């Protein structure tokens, strides 16, 4: 449709995706527009003929995209932006039962007990501000009040979008709703899986200091007991863990958190595990040693406390910690040619790793140096 002078259109913008702007004129093959702030933006005349008109309601930052008279990509992005840039950032926007979330990269005061209580007592969260607790409400309601059918919550997004935190928030609501406010038990154990999964599966990337480097399917099993639904258990299946990160990371990235948790516990475990400085491990020496806003000491305490809550014996915990450091230690093994075979330049890393793994050094050495090929 040809552009009309004086009318507003959604115009592509290199920084803001789309901006509402008024069409001024054509200058050769360029269509010229002006934003409300006086910025001049242009696009090709051919592209201009495909631009959508701006409708006033699209500028208001509505809480439910479905309430818009016309839904376009530009209108959705602008609505989310307007809500986020509010004096009190509104990071959630509805698309009916779907929730769009914007990661504010800072703590917000909208997740406390009072807020959760409001949604726990709600008769219909669609009458309330958009929130991830509303997603939890829908899931619990589907289990207990509606068709009493299995429920699924899909959380997706690019790196740094906030998937990990969103998962914890939905899970905390569901656990609270099904526990009836009681503390401990299976609900507490489910929440305690997070520090362990994040320790072994999350790392610092150039875009996110606590990026999940794997996908996970968390399945909660429930049972109806009278007029209540109780949680029986929970299983977690992980997918596509980024194994290559263990041996190599980018210059502004880091290995998995658990390695640094152990390194910064060096003093505590000095009589039990031989832990070196990060610069002394080949697998991590060229990476970042600290991740902003990730406290490895506190993170380790939560990690260890999770094992206690989940019933891991202290002996098993020590075996896990030893294995973590053994992986870094084995990375320090260097090899020389020895005819058609190879040999270790220095057997110290191999010996240290064998001790941590609780195996004979000679057995581990054979596993590393000898390749077995089975034919037939």
Foldseek 3Di string as FASTA:
>chain_A
DAADAQFWWFDQDPPQRTAIWGWHDDDDQKTWTAHPVGDIDIDGRVVVVVTDGDDPVLQPLDQEQVVDPDDDPSSVSNSQVVQCPPPQRQQWHHPPLDIHGADPVDDDPCQDPVNLVCLLPDPQCVVDGDDLLNNLSVQVCCCQPDVNDHDDDDFDDDWPRCRLVSVLSSLLSNLCSQVVNDDADQSVLVSLVSLVQQQQAFWFDPRDHRTGQWDKDKDWDWDDDPNGIHTDHIDMDIGRRPVVLQQDDDQAIFGGLNLLLLLVCCVVCVVPADHDHQCLFNRGNRHDNDRPPDDSPVSVVSNVVSCVSVPPDPVNVQLVSLQSRLSRLVRPWDWDDDDPWIDTPDCVSLCRSCVSNVHDSVVSRCVVGDDDDDDD
